[in-house]
Amino acid sequence: MNDPTDTETSRLTAHYAGLLARYGDDPRSLDWGSGASQAARFAVLAGIGDLRGTTILDVGCGLADFHAWLLDRGIAHRYVGLDLTPEMATRAAERFPEADILCGDIAADARLAPRSFDYVFASGIFALRTLEPDQYLDAVVHRLFNLCRTGVAFNSLSSWRADQEPGEFYADPFAVASRCARLTRRLVLRHDYHPGDFTIYLYRGEHA
């Protein structure tokens, strides 16, 4: 019998590999509607703090577009990207040879265990999850927080959205924030930039 987790991973990697083959170096390969919507989410994620000179882990990095977005704004940083889809990781490494690009699942990849990063980001990685998506989100966020020294920023489609698409996962913003409070009470929930999307910042210690 097939492991349902493996089936889910195979489905997602096939989906994104297909988009990459179709669109190439384009936000549509990451299932973003446009470059503008991708950039708007990057701006919100980057609002977690001063990223200059920091080490960054970008989970679900895709083509490492967040790395490019930061560089375009003169924000020097040390970048590590992780993506589930081998074709994505390979293409990101080709685009940015100075970056450290890995292929794997954040929920299971042991290579990151000895490492830590100032900030950890995840954008768009929960949208197409169908296998226990709330549990997956919680497990991944816990993992992200364990890997950060200063903070975590992640986003999700919101259950407050009126026009929900079949096959997409829409999380309840208040429920997710409440569960994140088990990790830290120093958090921010942002639902001010898009009617169907939210971002959460989680902070350690006294950093802001």
N, C-alpha and C. Protein backbone atom coordinates (compact mmCIF):
# COMPACT_ATOMS: atom_id res chain seq x y z
N MET A 1 0.86 -1.20 0.00
CA MET A 1 0.00 0.00 0.00
C MET A 1 0.89 1.25 0.00
N ASN A 2 0.53 2.24 -0.81
CA ASN A 2 1.30 3.47 -0.88
C ASN A 2 1.13 4.30 0.38
N ASP A 3 2.23 4.90 0.82
CA ASP A 3 2.19 5.85 1.92
C ASP A 3 1.47 7.10 1.42
N PRO A 4 0.36 7.54 2.09
CA PRO A 4 -0.35 8.73 1.60
C PRO A 4 0.52 9.98 1.60
N THR A 5 1.50 10.04 2.51
CA THR A 5 2.41 11.18 2.53
C THR A 5 3.24 11.21 1.25
N ASP A 6 3.73 10.03 0.84
CA ASP A 6 4.49 9.96 -0.41
C ASP A 6 3.63 10.33 -1.61
N THR A 7 2.37 9.90 -1.59
CA THR A 7 1.45 10.24 -2.68
C THR A 7 1.23 11.74 -2.76
N GLU A 8 1.07 12.38 -1.60
CA GLU A 8 0.90 13.83 -1.56
C GLU A 8 2.14 14.53 -2.10
N THR A 9 3.31 14.09 -1.69
CA THR A 9 4.55 14.69 -2.16
C THR A 9 4.69 14.52 -3.67
N SER A 10 4.39 13.34 -4.16
CA SER A 10 4.48 13.07 -5.60
C SER A 10 3.52 13.97 -6.38
N ARG A 11 2.32 14.14 -5.86
CA ARG A 11 1.34 14.98 -6.53
C ARG A 11 1.82 16.43 -6.62
N LEU A 12 2.35 16.93 -5.52
CA LEU A 12 2.78 18.33 -5.48
C LEU A 12 4.01 18.56 -6.35
N THR A 13 4.98 17.66 -6.27
CA THR A 13 6.18 17.85 -7.08
C THR A 13 5.86 17.75 -8.57
N ALA A 14 4.96 16.84 -8.93
CA ALA A 14 4.57 16.73 -10.34
C ALA A 14 3.86 17.99 -10.81
N HIS A 15 3.01 18.55 -9.93
CA HIS A 15 2.29 19.78 -10.27
C HIS A 15 3.25 20.92 -10.57
N TYR A 16 4.20 21.14 -9.67
CA TYR A 16 5.11 22.27 -9.84
C TYR A 16 6.14 22.03 -10.93
N ALA A 17 6.56 20.78 -11.10
CA ALA A 17 7.47 20.47 -12.21
C ALA A 17 6.78 20.75 -13.54
N GLY A 18 5.49 20.43 -13.61
CA GLY A 18 4.74 20.71 -14.83
C GLY A 18 4.61 22.19 -15.12
N LEU A 19 4.37 22.98 -14.06
CA LEU A 19 4.27 24.42 -14.25
C LEU A 19 5.61 25.01 -14.69
N LEU A 20 6.70 24.51 -14.09
CA LEU A 20 8.02 25.01 -14.47
C LEU A 20 8.33 24.69 -15.91
N ALA A 21 7.98 23.49 -16.35
CA ALA A 21 8.21 23.11 -17.75
C ALA A 21 7.40 23.99 -18.70
N ARG A 22 6.23 24.42 -18.24
CA ARG A 22 5.36 25.22 -19.09
C ARG A 22 5.76 26.70 -19.12
N TYR A 23 6.09 27.26 -17.93
CA TYR A 23 6.27 28.71 -17.83
C TYR A 23 7.73 29.15 -17.66
N GLY A 24 8.62 28.25 -17.23
CA GLY A 24 10.00 28.65 -17.04
C GLY A 24 10.17 29.61 -15.88
N ASP A 25 11.10 30.54 -16.02
CA ASP A 25 11.41 31.49 -14.94
C ASP A 25 10.32 32.56 -14.86
N ASP A 26 9.22 32.20 -14.26
CA ASP A 26 8.05 33.07 -14.22
C ASP A 26 7.27 32.76 -12.95
N PRO A 27 6.68 33.78 -12.30
CA PRO A 27 5.88 33.53 -11.09
C PRO A 27 4.78 32.49 -11.28
N ARG A 28 4.29 32.32 -12.51
CA ARG A 28 3.25 31.34 -12.75
C ARG A 28 3.73 29.91 -12.51
N SER A 29 5.05 29.70 -12.56
CA SER A 29 5.59 28.38 -12.25
C SER A 29 5.40 28.02 -10.78
N LEU A 30 5.19 29.06 -9.95
CA LEU A 30 4.95 28.84 -8.52
C LEU A 30 3.47 28.92 -8.20
N ASP A 31 2.62 28.99 -9.23
CA ASP A 31 1.17 29.10 -9.08
C ASP A 31 0.73 30.47 -8.58
N TRP A 32 1.59 31.48 -8.71
CA TRP A 32 1.15 32.84 -8.42
C TRP A 32 0.42 33.39 -9.63
N GLY A 33 -0.62 34.16 -9.37
CA GLY A 33 -1.39 34.73 -10.47
C GLY A 33 -0.61 35.73 -11.27
N SER A 34 0.32 36.44 -10.60
CA SER A 34 1.11 37.45 -11.29
C SER A 34 2.36 37.76 -10.47
N GLY A 35 3.31 38.39 -11.13
CA GLY A 35 4.49 38.84 -10.41
C GLY A 35 4.16 39.87 -9.35
N ALA A 36 3.13 40.67 -9.60
CA ALA A 36 2.74 41.70 -8.64
C ALA A 36 2.22 41.07 -7.34
N SER A 37 1.41 40.03 -7.45
CA SER A 37 0.88 39.39 -6.24
C SER A 37 2.00 38.69 -5.47
N GLN A 38 2.95 38.09 -6.18
CA GLN A 38 4.10 37.47 -5.53
C GLN A 38 4.91 38.52 -4.78
N ALA A 39 5.20 39.64 -5.45
CA ALA A 39 6.01 40.70 -4.85
C ALA A 39 5.30 41.32 -3.65
N ALA A 40 3.98 41.45 -3.72
CA ALA A 40 3.23 42.01 -2.59
C ALA A 40 3.38 41.13 -1.36
N ARG A 41 3.35 39.84 -1.55
CA ARG A 41 3.54 38.92 -0.42
C ARG A 41 4.98 38.98 0.10
N PHE A 42 5.94 39.10 -0.80
CA PHE A 42 7.33 39.24 -0.37
C PHE A 42 7.50 40.48 0.52
N ALA A 43 6.87 41.58 0.13
CA ALA A 43 6.99 42.81 0.90
C ALA A 43 6.44 42.62 2.31
N VAL A 44 5.33 41.91 2.43
CA VAL A 44 4.75 41.65 3.74
C VAL A 44 5.65 40.74 4.56
N LEU A 45 6.15 39.67 3.95
CA LEU A 45 7.05 38.77 4.66
C LEU A 45 8.27 39.52 5.17
N ALA A 46 8.84 40.36 4.33
CA ALA A 46 10.05 41.10 4.70
C ALA A 46 9.79 42.13 5.79
N GLY A 47 8.53 42.44 6.02
CA GLY A 47 8.18 43.39 7.07
C GLY A 47 8.40 42.87 8.47
N ILE A 48 8.82 41.63 8.63
CA ILE A 48 9.04 41.07 9.95
C ILE A 48 10.17 41.78 10.69
N GLY A 49 11.13 42.33 9.98
CA GLY A 49 12.24 42.98 10.67
C GLY A 49 13.29 43.47 9.68
N ASP A 50 14.41 43.93 10.21
CA ASP A 50 15.52 44.42 9.40
C ASP A 50 16.33 43.20 8.94
N LEU A 51 16.28 42.89 7.67
CA LEU A 51 16.90 41.68 7.14
C LEU A 51 18.33 41.91 6.66
N ARG A 52 18.83 43.13 6.74
CA ARG A 52 20.18 43.42 6.25
C ARG A 52 21.22 42.66 7.06
N GLY A 53 22.08 41.91 6.34
CA GLY A 53 23.16 41.19 6.98
C GLY A 53 22.75 39.94 7.72
N THR A 54 21.54 39.47 7.51
CA THR A 54 21.05 38.30 8.25
C THR A 54 21.20 37.03 7.43
N THR A 55 21.08 35.91 8.12
CA THR A 55 20.99 34.61 7.45
C THR A 55 19.52 34.25 7.32
N ILE A 56 19.14 33.79 6.12
CA ILE A 56 17.74 33.55 5.79
C ILE A 56 17.56 32.13 5.27
N LEU A 57 16.55 31.45 5.78
CA LEU A 57 16.10 30.19 5.20
C LEU A 57 14.74 30.43 4.56
N ASP A 58 14.64 30.12 3.28
CA ASP A 58 13.40 30.30 2.52
C ASP A 58 12.86 28.92 2.17
N VAL A 59 11.80 28.51 2.87
CA VAL A 59 11.23 27.18 2.70
C VAL A 59 10.16 27.22 1.61
N GLY A 60 10.26 26.30 0.66
CA GLY A 60 9.41 26.38 -0.52
C GLY A 60 9.91 27.49 -1.42
N CYS A 61 11.23 27.54 -1.59
CA CYS A 61 11.86 28.69 -2.25
C CYS A 61 11.53 28.80 -3.73
N GLY A 62 11.07 27.68 -4.34
CA GLY A 62 10.76 27.75 -5.76
C GLY A 62 11.99 28.12 -6.57
N LEU A 63 11.91 29.21 -7.30
CA LEU A 63 13.01 29.68 -8.14
C LEU A 63 13.90 30.67 -7.41
N ALA A 64 13.77 30.75 -6.08
CA ALA A 64 14.54 31.69 -5.24
C ALA A 64 14.21 33.13 -5.58
N ASP A 65 12.95 33.39 -5.94
CA ASP A 65 12.54 34.75 -6.28
C ASP A 65 12.61 35.69 -5.08
N PHE A 66 12.41 35.19 -3.87
CA PHE A 66 12.51 36.05 -2.69
C PHE A 66 13.94 36.55 -2.53
N HIS A 67 14.91 35.70 -2.79
CA HIS A 67 16.32 36.09 -2.78
C HIS A 67 16.55 37.23 -3.76
N ALA A 68 16.02 37.07 -4.98
CA ALA A 68 16.17 38.11 -6.00
C ALA A 68 15.49 39.40 -5.58
N TRP A 69 14.30 39.28 -4.98
CA TRP A 69 13.55 40.46 -4.53
C TRP A 69 14.35 41.25 -3.50
N LEU A 70 14.97 40.56 -2.57
CA LEU A 70 15.79 41.22 -1.55
C LEU A 70 17.01 41.88 -2.17
N LEU A 71 17.69 41.18 -3.06
CA LEU A 71 18.87 41.74 -3.71
C LEU A 71 18.52 42.99 -4.51
N ASP A 72 17.39 42.96 -5.20
CA ASP A 72 16.96 44.12 -5.99
C ASP A 72 16.75 45.35 -5.13
N ARG A 73 16.50 45.15 -3.84
CA ARG A 73 16.28 46.26 -2.92
C ARG A 73 17.50 46.57 -2.06
N GLY A 74 18.63 46.00 -2.45
CA GLY A 74 19.87 46.28 -1.76
C GLY A 74 19.97 45.69 -0.37
N ILE A 75 19.19 44.63 -0.11
CA ILE A 75 19.20 44.00 1.21
C ILE A 75 20.17 42.81 1.15
N ALA A 76 21.41 43.05 1.58
CA ALA A 76 22.42 41.99 1.57
C ALA A 76 22.07 40.97 2.64
N HIS A 77 22.25 39.70 2.32
CA HIS A 77 21.88 38.63 3.23
C HIS A 77 22.57 37.34 2.80
N ARG A 78 22.56 36.36 3.67
CA ARG A 78 23.04 35.03 3.32
C ARG A 78 21.81 34.13 3.19
N TYR A 79 21.68 33.50 2.03
CA TYR A 79 20.42 32.85 1.66
C TYR A 79 20.57 31.35 1.52
N VAL A 80 19.66 30.62 2.15
CA VAL A 80 19.51 29.18 1.95
C VAL A 80 18.07 28.94 1.51
N GLY A 81 17.90 28.25 0.41
CA GLY A 81 16.57 27.91 -0.08
C GLY A 81 16.33 26.42 -0.02
N LEU A 82 15.11 26.03 0.30
CA LEU A 82 14.73 24.61 0.33
C LEU A 82 13.44 24.45 -0.45
N ASP A 83 13.42 23.50 -1.37
CA ASP A 83 12.20 23.26 -2.13
C ASP A 83 11.96 21.77 -2.29
N LEU A 84 10.69 21.41 -2.30
CA LEU A 84 10.27 20.01 -2.40
C LEU A 84 10.49 19.44 -3.79
N THR A 85 10.42 20.28 -4.81
CA THR A 85 10.46 19.84 -6.20
C THR A 85 11.88 19.88 -6.73
N PRO A 86 12.44 18.74 -7.12
CA PRO A 86 13.83 18.72 -7.59
C PRO A 86 14.10 19.68 -8.74
N GLU A 87 13.18 19.76 -9.69
CA GLU A 87 13.39 20.64 -10.84
C GLU A 87 13.47 22.11 -10.42
N MET A 88 12.67 22.47 -9.43
CA MET A 88 12.70 23.84 -8.91
C MET A 88 14.05 24.13 -8.24
N ALA A 89 14.48 23.22 -7.39
CA ALA A 89 15.75 23.42 -6.68
C ALA A 89 16.91 23.51 -7.66
N THR A 90 16.89 22.67 -8.68
CA THR A 90 17.95 22.70 -9.68
C THR A 90 17.97 24.03 -10.42
N ARG A 91 16.80 24.50 -10.81
CA ARG A 91 16.74 25.77 -11.56
C ARG A 91 17.13 26.95 -10.66
N ALA A 92 16.71 26.94 -9.40
CA ALA A 92 17.09 28.02 -8.48
C ALA A 92 18.60 28.07 -8.31
N ALA A 93 19.23 26.90 -8.19
CA ALA A 93 20.69 26.84 -8.04
C ALA A 93 21.39 27.36 -9.29
N GLU A 94 20.82 27.10 -10.45
CA GLU A 94 21.39 27.61 -11.70
C GLU A 94 21.28 29.12 -11.77
N ARG A 95 20.16 29.65 -11.32
CA ARG A 95 19.94 31.10 -11.38
C ARG A 95 20.84 31.83 -10.40
N PHE A 96 21.05 31.24 -9.22
CA PHE A 96 21.78 31.92 -8.15
C PHE A 96 22.85 31.01 -7.56
N PRO A 97 23.96 30.87 -8.26
CA PRO A 97 25.01 29.95 -7.79
C PRO A 97 25.62 30.36 -6.46
N GLU A 98 25.47 31.61 -6.07
CA GLU A 98 26.01 32.06 -4.78
C GLU A 98 25.15 31.62 -3.61
N ALA A 99 23.94 31.20 -3.88
CA ALA A 99 23.02 30.78 -2.81
C ALA A 99 23.21 29.29 -2.52
N ASP A 100 22.71 28.88 -1.37
CA ASP A 100 22.75 27.47 -0.97
C ASP A 100 21.34 26.92 -1.15
N ILE A 101 21.13 26.13 -2.19
CA ILE A 101 19.80 25.62 -2.52
C ILE A 101 19.76 24.12 -2.25
N LEU A 102 18.75 23.69 -1.48
CA LEU A 102 18.58 22.29 -1.13
C LEU A 102 17.23 21.80 -1.64
N CYS A 103 17.13 20.50 -1.88
CA CYS A 103 15.86 19.89 -2.25
C CYS A 103 15.44 18.95 -1.13
N GLY A 104 14.21 19.13 -0.63
CA GLY A 104 13.72 18.26 0.43
C GLY A 104 12.45 18.80 1.05
N ASP A 105 11.90 18.05 1.98
CA ASP A 105 10.67 18.41 2.69
C ASP A 105 11.03 18.92 4.06
N ILE A 106 10.66 20.14 4.37
CA ILE A 106 11.01 20.75 5.65
C ILE A 106 10.52 19.91 6.83
N ALA A 107 9.43 19.18 6.65
CA ALA A 107 8.88 18.40 7.75
C ALA A 107 9.72 17.17 8.07
N ALA A 108 10.60 16.77 7.14
CA ALA A 108 11.34 15.52 7.36
C ALA A 108 12.84 15.64 7.11
N ASP A 109 13.32 16.74 6.57
CA ASP A 109 14.72 16.85 6.16
C ASP A 109 15.63 17.07 7.37
N ALA A 110 16.49 16.11 7.63
CA ALA A 110 17.37 16.17 8.80
C ALA A 110 18.61 17.03 8.57
N ARG A 111 18.89 17.42 7.33
CA ARG A 111 20.11 18.19 7.06
C ARG A 111 20.10 19.56 7.72
N LEU A 112 18.92 20.08 8.01
CA LEU A 112 18.82 21.41 8.60
C LEU A 112 18.93 21.39 10.12
N ALA A 113 18.83 20.21 10.72
CA ALA A 113 18.77 20.11 12.18
C ALA A 113 19.93 20.79 12.90
N PRO A 114 21.18 20.67 12.43
CA PRO A 114 22.27 21.30 13.16
C PRO A 114 22.40 22.79 12.90
N ARG A 115 21.59 23.33 12.01
CA ARG A 115 21.75 24.71 11.57
C ARG A 115 20.68 25.60 12.19
N SER A 116 20.98 26.90 12.20
CA SER A 116 19.96 27.87 12.61
C SER A 116 20.14 29.11 11.76
N PHE A 117 19.08 29.89 11.68
CA PHE A 117 19.02 31.04 10.79
C PHE A 117 18.41 32.21 11.56
N ASP A 118 18.81 33.43 11.19
CA ASP A 118 18.19 34.59 11.85
C ASP A 118 16.69 34.61 11.57
N TYR A 119 16.34 34.49 10.30
CA TYR A 119 14.93 34.51 9.92
C TYR A 119 14.61 33.33 9.02
N VAL A 120 13.41 32.78 9.21
CA VAL A 120 12.93 31.67 8.39
C VAL A 120 11.60 32.09 7.77
N PHE A 121 11.48 31.84 6.46
CA PHE A 121 10.30 32.26 5.71
C PHE A 121 9.66 31.08 4.99
N ALA A 122 8.35 31.15 4.80
CA ALA A 122 7.63 30.17 4.00
C ALA A 122 6.46 30.89 3.33
N SER A 123 6.45 30.86 2.01
CA SER A 123 5.41 31.56 1.26
C SER A 123 4.73 30.61 0.28
N GLY A 124 3.44 30.42 0.47
CA GLY A 124 2.65 29.65 -0.49
C GLY A 124 2.77 28.14 -0.38
N ILE A 125 3.39 27.64 0.69
CA ILE A 125 3.66 26.19 0.74
C ILE A 125 2.47 25.36 1.24
N PHE A 126 1.45 26.01 1.75
CA PHE A 126 0.31 25.26 2.30
C PHE A 126 -0.89 25.22 1.37
N ALA A 127 -0.86 26.00 0.30
CA ALA A 127 -2.06 26.25 -0.51
C ALA A 127 -2.67 25.00 -1.12
N LEU A 128 -1.85 24.05 -1.52
CA LEU A 128 -2.37 22.87 -2.23
C LEU A 128 -2.31 21.60 -1.39
N ARG A 129 -2.10 21.74 -0.09
CA ARG A 129 -2.07 20.57 0.79
C ARG A 129 -3.48 20.03 0.97
N THR A 130 -3.64 18.72 0.79
CA THR A 130 -4.95 18.10 0.99
C THR A 130 -4.93 17.05 2.11
N LEU A 131 -3.75 16.54 2.45
CA LEU A 131 -3.63 15.51 3.47
C LEU A 131 -3.39 16.16 4.83
N GLU A 132 -4.43 16.17 5.67
CA GLU A 132 -4.37 16.77 7.02
C GLU A 132 -3.63 18.11 6.99
N PRO A 133 -4.14 19.07 6.24
CA PRO A 133 -3.40 20.32 6.03
C PRO A 133 -3.16 21.12 7.31
N ASP A 134 -4.14 21.14 8.23
CA ASP A 134 -3.93 21.88 9.47
C ASP A 134 -2.80 21.28 10.29
N GLN A 135 -2.78 19.95 10.36
CA GLN A 135 -1.72 19.27 11.11
C GLN A 135 -0.37 19.49 10.44
N TYR A 136 -0.35 19.46 9.11
CA TYR A 136 0.90 19.72 8.39
C TYR A 136 1.39 21.14 8.66
N LEU A 137 0.48 22.10 8.58
CA LEU A 137 0.86 23.49 8.84
C LEU A 137 1.47 23.62 10.24
N ASP A 138 0.82 23.04 11.25
CA ASP A 138 1.32 23.15 12.62
C ASP A 138 2.70 22.52 12.75
N ALA A 139 2.90 21.35 12.14
CA ALA A 139 4.18 20.66 12.24
C ALA A 139 5.28 21.46 11.56
N VAL A 140 4.97 22.03 10.41
CA VAL A 140 5.97 22.80 9.68
C VAL A 140 6.31 24.08 10.43
N VAL A 141 5.32 24.79 10.93
CA VAL A 141 5.59 26.03 11.65
C VAL A 141 6.43 25.76 12.90
N HIS A 142 6.15 24.68 13.59
CA HIS A 142 6.96 24.30 14.74
C HIS A 142 8.41 24.09 14.32
N ARG A 143 8.58 23.43 13.20
CA ARG A 143 9.93 23.18 12.68
C ARG A 143 10.62 24.48 12.29
N LEU A 144 9.89 25.36 11.63
CA LEU A 144 10.45 26.66 11.24
C LEU A 144 10.91 27.43 12.46
N PHE A 145 10.09 27.43 13.50
CA PHE A 145 10.42 28.19 14.70
C PHE A 145 11.66 27.62 15.39
N ASN A 146 11.79 26.30 15.35
CA ASN A 146 12.97 25.68 15.96
C ASN A 146 14.25 26.04 15.22
N LEU A 147 14.13 26.42 13.95
CA LEU A 147 15.30 26.74 13.14
C LEU A 147 15.68 28.21 13.16
N CYS A 148 14.85 29.06 13.76
CA CYS A 148 15.11 30.50 13.72
C CYS A 148 15.78 30.98 15.00
N ARG A 149 16.60 32.04 14.85
CA ARG A 149 17.17 32.72 16.01
C ARG A 149 16.38 33.97 16.37
N THR A 150 15.76 34.58 15.37
CA THR A 150 15.04 35.84 15.60
C THR A 150 13.56 35.74 15.30
N GLY A 151 13.20 35.24 14.11
CA GLY A 151 11.78 35.20 13.79
C GLY A 151 11.44 34.35 12.60
N VAL A 152 10.15 34.09 12.47
CA VAL A 152 9.56 33.31 11.37
C VAL A 152 8.44 34.13 10.75
N ALA A 153 8.36 34.12 9.44
CA ALA A 153 7.22 34.72 8.75
C ALA A 153 6.70 33.71 7.73
N PHE A 154 5.40 33.45 7.78
CA PHE A 154 4.79 32.52 6.82
C PHE A 154 3.41 33.03 6.44
N ASN A 155 2.92 32.56 5.31
CA ASN A 155 1.59 32.97 4.87
C ASN A 155 0.75 31.77 4.50
N SER A 156 -0.54 32.02 4.35
CA SER A 156 -1.49 30.98 3.96
C SER A 156 -2.70 31.64 3.33
N LEU A 157 -3.38 30.89 2.49
CA LEU A 157 -4.70 31.32 2.04
C LEU A 157 -5.63 31.36 3.24
N SER A 158 -6.56 32.30 3.22
CA SER A 158 -7.42 32.55 4.37
C SER A 158 -8.83 32.00 4.18
N SER A 159 -9.35 31.39 5.23
CA SER A 159 -10.73 30.89 5.20
C SER A 159 -11.75 32.03 5.17
N TRP A 160 -11.30 33.26 5.39
CA TRP A 160 -12.20 34.41 5.31
C TRP A 160 -12.49 34.80 3.86
N ARG A 161 -11.76 34.22 2.93
CA ARG A 161 -11.95 34.55 1.52
C ARG A 161 -13.31 34.04 1.05
N ALA A 162 -14.03 34.87 0.33
CA ALA A 162 -15.38 34.51 -0.11
C ALA A 162 -15.35 33.55 -1.30
N ASP A 163 -14.47 33.80 -2.25
CA ASP A 163 -14.45 33.01 -3.49
C ASP A 163 -13.35 31.96 -3.43
N GLN A 164 -13.58 30.91 -2.68
CA GLN A 164 -12.57 29.87 -2.51
C GLN A 164 -12.57 28.91 -3.69
N GLU A 165 -11.35 28.51 -4.08
CA GLU A 165 -11.18 27.61 -5.21
C GLU A 165 -11.14 26.15 -4.74
N PRO A 166 -11.79 25.24 -5.45
CA PRO A 166 -11.70 23.81 -5.09
C PRO A 166 -10.26 23.33 -5.14
N GLY A 167 -9.91 22.44 -4.22
CA GLY A 167 -8.58 21.86 -4.21
C GLY A 167 -7.53 22.69 -3.52
N GLU A 168 -7.91 23.85 -2.98
CA GLU A 168 -6.97 24.69 -2.25
C GLU A 168 -7.30 24.67 -0.76
N PHE A 169 -6.28 24.85 0.07
CA PHE A 169 -6.44 24.83 1.51
C PHE A 169 -6.51 26.25 2.04
N TYR A 170 -7.60 26.55 2.74
CA TYR A 170 -7.82 27.87 3.33
C TYR A 170 -7.83 27.72 4.85
N ALA A 171 -6.82 28.26 5.51
CA ALA A 171 -6.70 28.12 6.96
C ALA A 171 -7.45 29.24 7.66
N ASP A 172 -7.91 28.95 8.87
CA ASP A 172 -8.57 29.96 9.70
C ASP A 172 -7.50 30.82 10.37
N PRO A 173 -7.43 32.12 10.07
CA PRO A 173 -6.35 32.95 10.61
C PRO A 173 -6.29 32.97 12.13
N PHE A 174 -7.45 33.13 12.79
CA PHE A 174 -7.44 33.19 14.25
C PHE A 174 -7.03 31.85 14.86
N ALA A 175 -7.49 30.75 14.26
CA ALA A 175 -7.13 29.43 14.78
C ALA A 175 -5.64 29.17 14.64
N VAL A 176 -5.06 29.55 13.50
CA VAL A 176 -3.62 29.36 13.30
C VAL A 176 -2.84 30.23 14.28
N ALA A 177 -3.24 31.49 14.43
CA ALA A 177 -2.54 32.37 15.36
C ALA A 177 -2.62 31.84 16.79
N SER A 178 -3.77 31.31 17.16
CA SER A 178 -3.94 30.76 18.50
C SER A 178 -3.00 29.57 18.74
N ARG A 179 -2.88 28.72 17.73
CA ARG A 179 -1.98 27.58 17.88
C ARG A 179 -0.53 28.02 17.89
N CYS A 180 -0.21 29.06 17.11
CA CYS A 180 1.16 29.59 17.11
C CYS A 180 1.54 30.17 18.47
N ALA A 181 0.55 30.63 19.22
CA ALA A 181 0.82 31.21 20.54
C ALA A 181 1.37 30.18 21.51
N ARG A 182 1.25 28.89 21.17
CA ARG A 182 1.88 27.86 22.00
C ARG A 182 3.40 27.90 21.85
N LEU A 183 3.87 28.45 20.72
CA LEU A 183 5.30 28.56 20.48
C LEU A 183 5.86 29.85 21.05
N THR A 184 5.13 30.94 20.87
CA THR A 184 5.56 32.25 21.36
C THR A 184 4.35 33.16 21.43
N ARG A 185 4.32 34.01 22.46
CA ARG A 185 3.25 34.99 22.56
C ARG A 185 3.61 36.27 21.79
N ARG A 186 4.84 36.33 21.32
CA ARG A 186 5.28 37.50 20.55
C ARG A 186 5.02 37.22 19.07
N LEU A 187 3.79 37.53 18.65
CA LEU A 187 3.42 37.25 17.26
C LEU A 187 2.55 38.37 16.71
N VAL A 188 2.50 38.41 15.40
CA VAL A 188 1.67 39.39 14.68
C VAL A 188 0.88 38.65 13.62
N LEU A 189 -0.41 38.91 13.54
CA LEU A 189 -1.27 38.39 12.48
C LEU A 189 -1.61 39.54 11.54
N ARG A 190 -1.26 39.40 10.26
CA ARG A 190 -1.57 40.42 9.27
C ARG A 190 -2.58 39.89 8.25
N HIS A 191 -3.69 40.60 8.16
CA HIS A 191 -4.72 40.27 7.18
C HIS A 191 -5.14 41.56 6.47
N ASP A 192 -4.17 42.45 6.30
CA ASP A 192 -4.46 43.80 5.82
C ASP A 192 -4.02 44.06 4.39
N TYR A 193 -3.41 43.10 3.73
CA TYR A 193 -2.80 43.36 2.42
C TYR A 193 -3.50 42.65 1.28
N HIS A 194 -4.35 41.67 1.60
CA HIS A 194 -5.05 40.89 0.57
C HIS A 194 -6.29 40.27 1.22
N PRO A 195 -7.43 40.29 0.53
CA PRO A 195 -8.66 39.78 1.15
C PRO A 195 -8.68 38.28 1.39
N GLY A 196 -7.80 37.55 0.69
CA GLY A 196 -7.85 36.09 0.81
C GLY A 196 -6.55 35.47 1.28
N ASP A 197 -5.74 36.23 2.00
CA ASP A 197 -4.41 35.76 2.36
C ASP A 197 -4.04 36.37 3.71
N PHE A 198 -3.30 35.63 4.52
CA PHE A 198 -2.79 36.22 5.77
C PHE A 198 -1.36 35.79 6.01
N THR A 199 -0.65 36.59 6.78
CA THR A 199 0.74 36.34 7.15
C THR A 199 0.87 36.43 8.66
N ILE A 200 1.69 35.56 9.22
CA ILE A 200 1.97 35.58 10.66
C ILE A 200 3.46 35.74 10.87
N TYR A 201 3.83 36.64 11.79
CA TYR A 201 5.20 36.79 12.26
C TYR A 201 5.29 36.16 13.65
N LEU A 202 6.33 35.37 13.86
CA LEU A 202 6.61 34.80 15.18
C LEU A 202 8.01 35.26 15.60
N TYR A 203 8.15 35.74 16.82
CA TYR A 203 9.42 36.27 17.29
C TYR A 203 9.93 35.50 18.51
N ARG A 204 11.24 35.41 18.59
CA ARG A 204 11.91 34.90 19.79
C ARG A 204 12.39 36.05 20.65
N GLY A 205 12.60 35.80 21.93
CA GLY A 205 13.28 36.72 22.83
C GLY A 205 12.76 38.13 22.77
N GLU A 206 13.70 39.07 22.78
CA GLU A 206 13.33 40.48 22.80
C GLU A 206 13.47 41.14 21.44
N HIS A 207 13.71 40.33 20.40
CA HIS A 207 13.89 40.91 19.07
C HIS A 207 12.55 41.41 18.54
N ALA A 208 12.62 42.44 17.71
CA ALA A 208 11.42 42.98 17.10
C ALA A 208 11.65 43.23 15.63
